[in-house]
Amino acid sequence: MRVNGEQYRTIWPDPTDSRRICLIDQRQLPHRFVVETVTSCQQMCAAISEMHVRGAGLIGAAAAFAVYLATLAAPDEGMDPYLREAASELLRSRPTARNLQWAVERMLAAIGTVATPAGKRQLALAAAKAIADEDADFCRRIGIHGLPLLEEISRRKGGKTVHILTHCNAGWLAFVDYGSATAPIYAARDAGLDIHVWVDETRPWNQGARLTAWELQQEGVACTLICDNCGGHLMQKGLVDLVLVGSDRTTHTGDVANKIGTYLKALAAWDNDIPFYVALPSSTFDWNLDNGYDIPIEQRAEEEITTTFGRDEEGAIRTVTLTAPGTRAANYGFDITPARLVTGLITERGVVAAERQAICRLFPEGPGDAATGTDLSVSKK
């Protein structure tokens, strides 16, 4: 997608030195556009944990490149134990996102097919690139399958503006390219539909205000920022035609873990008879969990709620404290939207009901790789 008219992905190997992985440091947006270079698995773990990179697909791609960087640092003798420890460190960096574990498992399985250290390193780079390319392609296909939903609303409204409400950032900044929830929006724009997006600010990190609004502006998509609590009011006034969000993990029974506040939007949409869709690549499915309430919910630092940052009148980026000294805060990163509130899931293979049988019919390979049918289990008992 575009930044100031120039094409970018969110993560890529340095074309002059593949031992250096480049990424957009999203902590700096929208005030500064900074490309960071990562050269070790430990650096990438910190980048994931501290949210230099964030979003389901991008976390997966970053984890894949982290495993590749670990192969570069690993000794020839004892490479496999070294990689297992690196994988454990990666899995601790963001516990909720399914794509992270999926990518690590896929990388270890691929590396395990090669005997020599040099071969493992070469294959690791190719496998990480493949995961990144696949993420971008899956999101592009999500756009293709989601477009008819917006076209139908546009036809029903006689070509008038289609109003979409989204939460957090499930755009190209959350993936390698295109995004999940934004892919149908970009496809609708390209098809000539009149589209407008209501952008939730998404406290406490303000990923809607800082990232989604900036991204849509870069892409020339009409959007309006709203506070998180405004969505229900807009739905009651008939100003929302469809809610479209992403997911950090979705069970094979259709329960959705997404940024905190998603559940409340789903309830408001249900109460106002507004369709609520979740866009996700198959790498986000958790094939082992039946109940969404078993998904681990990340709890982050209190300071993310008690402070905020932005640009002051002199142009300096500053962090300010919002609360009285000693104020305690509970900072849950995600909530669970039960399948009964989800109108449908938009995947790279099509739109599917949020229920076990329909999902398994669309992805009969289940816990294997949805793209290839390959079993990605690291070990079997």
Protein backbone atom coordinates (compact mmCIF):
# COMPACT_ATOMS: atom_id res chain seq x y z
CA MET A 1 0.00 0.00 0.00
CA ARG A 2 1.03 3.66 -0.11
CA VAL A 3 2.86 6.08 2.15
CA ASN A 4 3.09 9.55 0.64
CA GLY A 5 2.44 7.94 -2.74
CA GLU A 6 5.24 5.35 -2.41
CA GLN A 7 4.53 1.63 -2.21
CA TYR A 8 5.44 -0.13 1.04
CA ARG A 9 4.95 -3.37 2.87
CA THR A 10 5.09 -3.40 6.66
CA ILE A 11 8.11 -5.74 6.83
CA TRP A 12 10.74 -6.81 4.30
CA PRO A 13 14.34 -8.07 4.06
CA ASP A 14 16.87 -5.35 3.25
CA PRO A 15 17.44 -5.79 -0.51
CA THR A 16 21.16 -5.13 -0.02
CA ASP A 17 21.65 -7.42 2.99
CA SER A 18 19.13 -10.15 3.82
CA ARG A 19 20.56 -10.42 7.35
CA ARG A 20 18.77 -7.14 8.08
CA ILE A 21 14.97 -7.10 8.34
CA CYS A 22 13.26 -3.75 7.80
CA LEU A 23 9.97 -2.81 9.42
CA ILE A 24 7.81 0.25 9.93
CA ASP A 25 8.01 1.30 13.58
CA GLN A 26 4.32 1.86 14.24
CA ARG A 27 4.90 3.50 17.63
CA GLN A 28 6.02 6.60 15.73
CA LEU A 29 2.94 6.93 13.52
CA PRO A 30 1.27 9.16 12.48
CA HIS A 31 3.73 11.85 13.54
CA ARG A 32 6.89 10.25 12.12
CA PHE A 33 7.44 7.61 9.47
CA VAL A 34 10.38 5.56 10.72
CA VAL A 35 11.84 2.41 9.15
CA GLU A 36 13.64 0.30 11.76
CA THR A 37 16.25 -2.37 11.01
CA VAL A 38 16.25 -5.58 13.07
CA THR A 39 19.21 -7.97 13.04
CA SER A 40 18.45 -10.53 15.79
CA CYS A 41 15.66 -12.68 17.10
CA GLN A 42 15.91 -10.90 20.45
CA GLN A 43 15.41 -7.53 18.77
CA MET A 44 12.36 -8.85 16.94
CA CYS A 45 10.90 -10.26 20.17
CA ALA A 46 11.19 -6.79 21.68
CA ALA A 47 9.68 -5.21 18.56
CA ILE A 48 6.67 -7.55 18.84
CA SER A 49 6.26 -7.16 22.60
CA GLU A 50 6.68 -3.36 22.57
CA MET A 51 4.42 -3.02 19.51
CA HIS A 52 6.88 -1.64 16.99
CA VAL A 53 4.94 -4.17 14.92
CA ARG A 54 1.40 -5.26 15.80
CA GLY A 55 -1.61 -6.89 14.21
CA ALA A 56 -2.24 -10.57 13.64
CA GLY A 57 -0.69 -11.07 10.21
CA LEU A 58 2.27 -8.78 10.77
CA ILE A 59 3.09 -10.44 14.09
CA GLY A 60 3.15 -13.77 12.27
CA ALA A 61 5.43 -12.48 9.52
CA ALA A 62 7.70 -10.80 12.08
CA ALA A 63 7.93 -14.05 14.04
CA ALA A 64 8.86 -15.91 10.85
CA PHE A 65 11.69 -13.50 10.12
CA ALA A 66 12.73 -13.73 13.79
CA VAL A 67 13.16 -17.49 13.46
CA TYR A 68 15.25 -16.87 10.34
CA LEU A 69 17.43 -14.39 12.26
CA ALA A 70 17.79 -17.02 15.00
CA THR A 71 19.24 -19.46 12.47
CA LEU A 72 21.91 -16.89 11.62
CA ALA A 73 22.93 -16.60 15.27
CA ALA A 74 22.62 -20.30 16.10
CA PRO A 75 25.79 -22.45 16.34
CA ASP A 76 26.18 -25.16 13.75
CA GLU A 77 26.41 -27.70 16.56
CA GLY A 78 23.26 -27.53 18.64
CA MET A 79 21.22 -25.43 16.21
CA ASP A 80 17.94 -27.22 16.94
CA PRO A 81 17.98 -26.63 20.75
CA TYR A 82 18.95 -23.00 20.10
CA LEU A 83 15.97 -22.57 17.76
CA ARG A 84 13.58 -24.19 20.22
CA GLU A 85 14.64 -21.72 22.90
CA ALA A 86 14.28 -18.83 20.45
CA ALA A 87 10.80 -20.11 19.57
CA SER A 88 9.83 -20.20 23.25
CA GLU A 89 10.96 -16.60 23.65
CA LEU A 90 8.91 -15.57 20.65
CA LEU A 91 5.77 -17.28 21.91
CA ARG A 92 6.00 -15.32 25.16
CA SER A 93 6.13 -11.96 23.37
CA ARG A 94 2.38 -11.67 22.54
CA PRO A 95 0.24 -14.53 23.91
CA THR A 96 -3.13 -13.78 22.30
CA ALA A 97 -2.25 -13.59 18.59
CA ARG A 98 -2.67 -17.01 16.95
CA ASN A 99 -0.60 -16.04 13.89
CA LEU A 100 2.55 -15.86 16.01
CA GLN A 101 2.37 -19.49 17.11
CA TRP A 102 1.22 -20.56 13.64
CA ALA A 103 4.24 -18.91 11.99
CA VAL A 104 6.74 -20.28 14.51
CA GLU A 105 5.38 -23.81 14.11
CA ARG A 106 5.47 -23.52 10.34
CA MET A 107 9.05 -22.22 10.37
CA LEU A 108 10.31 -24.98 12.69
CA ALA A 109 8.57 -27.64 10.62
CA ALA A 110 10.16 -26.32 7.42
CA ILE A 111 13.63 -26.02 8.95
CA GLY A 112 13.33 -29.54 10.33
CA THR A 113 13.21 -30.98 6.81
CA VAL A 114 16.84 -29.95 6.14
CA ALA A 115 19.89 -31.56 7.72
CA THR A 116 22.73 -29.06 7.24
CA PRO A 117 23.05 -25.74 9.09
CA ALA A 118 23.63 -23.86 5.84
CA GLY A 119 20.56 -25.49 4.33
CA LYS A 120 18.46 -24.61 7.37
CA ARG A 121 19.48 -20.95 7.12
CA GLN A 122 18.75 -20.79 3.42
CA LEU A 123 15.38 -22.48 3.80
CA ALA A 124 14.46 -20.29 6.79
CA LEU A 125 14.80 -17.12 4.73
CA ALA A 126 12.75 -18.61 1.88
CA ALA A 127 10.06 -19.83 4.31
CA ALA A 128 9.81 -16.43 6.04
CA LYS A 129 9.47 -14.67 2.70
CA ALA A 130 6.79 -17.18 1.69
CA ILE A 131 4.81 -16.51 4.87
CA ALA A 132 4.98 -12.75 4.22
CA ASP A 133 3.95 -13.16 0.58
CA GLU A 134 1.13 -15.50 1.55
CA ASP A 135 -0.18 -13.06 4.16
CA ALA A 136 -0.35 -10.29 1.58
CA ASP A 137 -2.06 -12.55 -0.96
CA PHE A 138 -4.60 -13.87 1.56
CA CYS A 139 -5.55 -10.32 2.49
CA ARG A 140 -5.91 -9.40 -1.18
CA ARG A 141 -8.29 -12.35 -1.58
CA ILE A 142 -10.23 -11.31 1.54
CA GLY A 143 -10.86 -8.06 -0.30
CA ILE A 144 -12.21 -9.91 -3.33
CA HIS A 145 -14.60 -11.99 -1.23
CA GLY A 146 -15.72 -9.08 0.94
CA LEU A 147 -16.42 -6.72 -1.94
CA PRO A 148 -19.86 -8.23 -2.86
CA LEU A 149 -21.11 -7.46 0.66
CA LEU A 150 -20.40 -3.77 0.15
CA GLU A 151 -21.68 -3.82 -3.43
CA GLU A 152 -25.01 -5.22 -2.23
CA ILE A 153 -25.37 -2.44 0.36
CA SER A 154 -24.51 0.14 -2.29
CA ARG A 155 -27.16 -1.27 -4.65
CA ARG A 156 -29.74 -1.31 -1.89
CA LYS A 157 -28.97 2.35 -1.12
CA GLY A 158 -29.11 3.37 -4.78
CA GLY A 159 -25.41 4.16 -4.94
CA LYS A 160 -25.39 6.39 -1.87
CA THR A 161 -22.50 6.31 0.58
CA VAL A 162 -21.84 3.00 2.32
CA HIS A 163 -20.90 3.69 5.95
CA ILE A 164 -18.58 1.13 7.56
CA LEU A 165 -17.56 1.14 11.20
CA THR A 166 -14.27 -0.49 12.17
CA HIS A 167 -12.42 -0.94 15.43
CA CYS A 168 -8.68 -0.81 16.14
CA ASN A 169 -6.44 -1.32 13.11
CA ALA A 170 -6.95 -4.34 10.90
CA GLY A 171 -5.47 -2.51 7.93
CA TRP A 172 -2.33 -3.09 5.91
CA LEU A 173 -0.35 -1.85 8.92
CA ALA A 174 -1.59 -4.92 10.83
CA PHE A 175 -0.58 -7.31 8.07
CA VAL A 176 2.09 -7.40 5.39
CA ASP A 177 -0.16 -5.64 2.86
CA TYR A 178 -3.83 -4.86 2.11
CA GLY A 179 -5.07 -5.67 5.64
CA SER A 180 -8.01 -7.88 6.57
CA ALA A 181 -10.86 -5.53 7.52
CA THR A 182 -9.60 -2.86 5.12
CA ALA A 183 -9.11 -5.17 2.14
CA PRO A 184 -12.82 -5.10 1.16
CA ILE A 185 -12.80 -1.33 1.70
CA TYR A 186 -9.88 -0.87 -0.69
CA ALA A 187 -11.51 -3.25 -3.17
CA ALA A 188 -14.73 -1.20 -2.96
CA ARG A 189 -12.81 2.02 -3.53
CA ASP A 190 -11.15 0.50 -6.60
CA ALA A 191 -14.57 -0.63 -7.85
CA GLY A 192 -15.85 2.94 -7.67
CA LEU A 193 -18.19 2.58 -4.69
CA ASP A 194 -18.89 5.59 -2.50
CA ILE A 195 -17.33 4.47 0.81
CA HIS A 196 -16.99 6.17 4.18
CA VAL A 197 -15.38 4.65 7.29
CA TRP A 198 -16.16 5.48 10.91
CA VAL A 199 -12.84 4.94 12.73
CA ASP A 200 -12.95 4.09 16.43
CA GLU A 201 -10.12 5.76 18.33
CA THR A 202 -9.53 2.43 20.11
CA ARG A 203 -8.10 3.29 23.48
CA PRO A 204 -5.73 2.78 25.17
CA TRP A 205 -3.16 2.72 22.33
CA ASN A 206 -5.38 4.70 19.96
CA GLN A 207 -4.58 2.42 17.07
CA GLY A 208 -7.64 3.60 15.22
CA ALA A 209 -6.84 7.27 15.69
CA ARG A 210 -3.11 6.92 15.07
CA LEU A 211 -3.01 4.15 12.47
CA THR A 212 -6.32 3.41 10.75
CA ALA A 213 -7.22 7.05 10.13
CA TRP A 214 -3.69 7.78 8.86
CA GLU A 215 -3.70 4.69 6.63
CA LEU A 216 -7.09 5.48 5.10
CA GLN A 217 -6.02 9.07 4.48
CA GLN A 218 -2.90 7.83 2.70
CA GLU A 219 -5.15 5.66 0.52
CA GLY A 220 -7.67 8.42 -0.22
CA VAL A 221 -10.57 6.72 1.59
CA ALA A 222 -13.08 9.04 3.28
CA CYS A 223 -13.07 8.50 7.03
CA THR A 224 -14.14 10.14 10.27
CA LEU A 225 -12.58 9.53 13.68
CA ILE A 226 -14.97 8.85 16.58
CA CYS A 227 -14.48 8.11 20.25
CA ASP A 228 -14.99 4.45 21.16
CA ASN A 229 -18.31 5.09 22.89
CA CYS A 230 -19.88 6.79 19.86
CA GLY A 231 -20.48 3.69 17.73
CA GLY A 232 -23.75 2.64 19.34
CA HIS A 233 -25.17 6.15 18.93
CA LEU A 234 -24.31 6.15 15.21
CA MET A 235 -25.96 2.77 14.78
CA GLN A 236 -29.14 3.97 16.49
CA LYS A 237 -29.21 6.96 14.11
CA GLY A 238 -28.94 4.72 11.03
CA LEU A 239 -25.48 5.99 10.16
CA VAL A 240 -23.75 2.60 10.07
CA ASP A 241 -24.44 0.07 7.32
CA LEU A 242 -21.94 -2.59 8.35
CA VAL A 243 -19.38 -3.25 11.09
CA LEU A 244 -16.13 -4.75 9.82
CA VAL A 245 -13.33 -5.74 12.18
CA GLY A 246 -10.31 -8.02 12.27
CA SER A 247 -9.26 -10.78 14.65
CA ASP A 248 -6.17 -11.80 16.58
CA ARG A 249 -7.47 -15.32 17.14
CA THR A 250 -10.69 -17.04 16.10
CA THR A 251 -11.69 -20.49 17.28
CA HIS A 252 -12.84 -23.09 14.77
CA THR A 253 -16.25 -22.68 16.41
CA GLY A 254 -16.43 -19.00 15.43
CA ASP A 255 -15.63 -17.14 18.66
CA VAL A 256 -13.49 -14.07 17.95
CA ALA A 257 -10.71 -12.48 20.03
CA ASN A 258 -10.08 -8.94 18.89
CA LYS A 259 -8.98 -5.62 20.38
CA ILE A 260 -10.74 -4.69 23.60
CA GLY A 261 -14.09 -3.04 22.87
CA THR A 262 -14.98 -5.24 19.88
CA TYR A 263 -17.54 -7.18 21.91
CA LEU A 264 -19.42 -3.98 22.76
CA LYS A 265 -19.60 -3.04 19.07
CA ALA A 266 -20.94 -6.49 18.26
CA LEU A 267 -23.66 -6.10 20.91
CA ALA A 268 -24.64 -2.69 19.56
CA ALA A 269 -24.73 -4.04 15.99
CA TRP A 270 -26.92 -6.97 17.07
CA ASP A 271 -29.32 -4.66 18.89
CA ASN A 272 -29.65 -2.43 15.82
CA ASP A 273 -29.85 -5.25 13.25
CA ILE A 274 -26.58 -4.22 11.58
CA PRO A 275 -24.37 -6.92 10.03
CA PHE A 276 -21.16 -7.58 11.96
CA TYR A 277 -18.38 -9.18 9.91
CA VAL A 278 -14.92 -10.34 10.93
CA ALA A 279 -12.18 -10.44 8.28
CA LEU A 280 -9.29 -12.83 8.86
CA PRO A 281 -6.83 -15.06 7.02
CA SER A 282 -6.98 -18.77 7.88
CA SER A 283 -3.69 -18.45 9.78
CA THR A 284 -5.70 -16.71 12.52
CA PHE A 285 -7.92 -19.75 13.21
CA ASP A 286 -7.20 -21.75 16.34
CA TRP A 287 -8.08 -25.34 15.50
CA ASN A 288 -7.48 -26.60 19.04
CA LEU A 289 -9.83 -24.38 21.04
CA ASP A 290 -13.58 -24.91 21.09
CA ASN A 291 -14.42 -22.04 23.44
CA GLY A 292 -13.25 -18.49 22.85
CA TYR A 293 -13.18 -17.81 26.57
CA ASP A 294 -10.19 -20.17 26.79
CA ILE A 295 -8.11 -17.80 24.63
CA PRO A 296 -5.41 -16.16 26.79
CA ILE A 297 -6.08 -12.44 27.09
CA GLU A 298 -2.99 -10.28 27.24
CA GLN A 299 -2.79 -7.75 30.05
CA ARG A 300 -0.46 -4.89 29.31
CA ALA A 301 1.20 -2.13 31.30
CA GLU A 302 -0.96 0.29 33.28
CA GLU A 303 0.92 3.23 31.75
CA GLU A 304 -0.77 2.60 28.41
CA ILE A 305 -4.01 3.77 30.05
CA THR A 306 -2.73 6.37 32.48
CA THR A 307 -0.59 8.18 29.90
CA THR A 308 -0.84 9.19 26.27
CA PHE A 309 1.43 10.83 23.74
CA GLY A 310 1.22 13.19 20.78
CA ARG A 311 2.73 16.20 19.08
CA ASP A 312 2.72 19.53 20.91
CA GLU A 313 2.44 23.02 19.39
CA GLU A 314 6.20 23.18 18.87
CA GLY A 315 6.19 19.89 16.97
CA ALA A 316 7.82 17.81 19.71
CA ILE A 317 6.48 14.36 20.53
CA ARG A 318 5.60 14.22 24.23
CA THR A 319 4.10 11.76 26.68
CA VAL A 320 1.69 13.19 29.25
CA THR A 321 0.00 11.71 32.31
CA LEU A 322 -3.80 11.65 32.32
CA THR A 323 -4.49 10.49 35.87
CA ALA A 324 -3.80 11.41 39.47
CA PRO A 325 -0.63 9.93 40.99
CA GLY A 326 -1.13 6.38 42.21
CA THR A 327 -4.14 5.64 39.99
CA ARG A 328 -4.36 1.92 39.25
CA ALA A 329 -5.43 0.67 35.81
CA ALA A 330 -6.49 -2.69 34.39
CA ASN A 331 -5.29 -2.93 30.81
CA TYR A 332 -6.84 -5.92 29.05
CA GLY A 333 -5.72 -5.99 25.44
CA PHE A 334 -8.54 -8.06 23.92
CA ASP A 335 -12.07 -9.31 24.47
CA ILE A 336 -14.12 -12.20 23.11
CA THR A 337 -17.03 -11.77 20.74
CA PRO A 338 -19.11 -14.98 20.79
CA ALA A 339 -19.95 -16.57 17.47
CA ARG A 340 -23.69 -15.90 17.92
CA LEU A 341 -23.02 -12.16 17.42
CA VAL A 342 -20.95 -12.62 14.23
CA THR A 343 -22.82 -12.37 10.93
CA GLY A 344 -20.00 -13.98 9.01
CA LEU A 345 -16.25 -14.48 8.65
CA ILE A 346 -14.53 -13.14 5.53
CA THR A 347 -11.56 -15.36 4.68
CA GLU A 348 -9.25 -15.86 1.73
CA ARG A 349 -11.52 -18.71 0.58
CA GLY A 350 -14.81 -16.89 0.93
CA VAL A 351 -17.42 -15.72 3.43
CA VAL A 352 -18.41 -18.37 5.96
CA ALA A 353 -20.80 -18.59 8.89
CA ALA A 354 -19.16 -18.33 12.31
CA GLU A 355 -19.83 -21.91 13.29
CA ARG A 356 -17.84 -25.13 13.44
CA GLN A 357 -19.33 -27.14 10.59
CA ALA A 358 -19.24 -24.31 8.06
CA ILE A 359 -15.67 -23.36 8.95
CA CYS A 360 -14.50 -26.98 8.74
CA ARG A 361 -16.20 -27.44 5.38
CA LEU A 362 -14.33 -24.44 4.01
CA PHE A 363 -11.05 -25.57 5.60
CA PRO A 364 -11.29 -29.38 5.75
CA GLU A 365 -7.55 -29.69 6.43
CA GLY A 366 -8.22 -28.18 9.85
CA PRO A 367 -5.07 -27.75 11.92
CA GLY A 368 -2.85 -28.24 8.89
CA ASP A 369 -1.73 -25.29 6.81
CA ALA A 370 -4.86 -23.87 5.19
CA ALA A 371 -2.95 -22.95 2.05
CA THR A 372 -1.19 -26.24 1.44
CA GLY A 373 -2.87 -28.85 3.59
CA THR A 374 0.48 -29.59 5.25
CA ASP A 375 0.49 -30.67 8.89
CA LEU A 376 2.47 -28.05 10.80
CA SER A 377 2.73 -29.84 14.14
CA VAL A 378 6.19 -29.42 15.61
CA SER A 379 5.98 -32.79 17.33
CA LYS A 380 3.53 -35.68 17.32
CA LYS A 381 2.66 -38.02 20.15
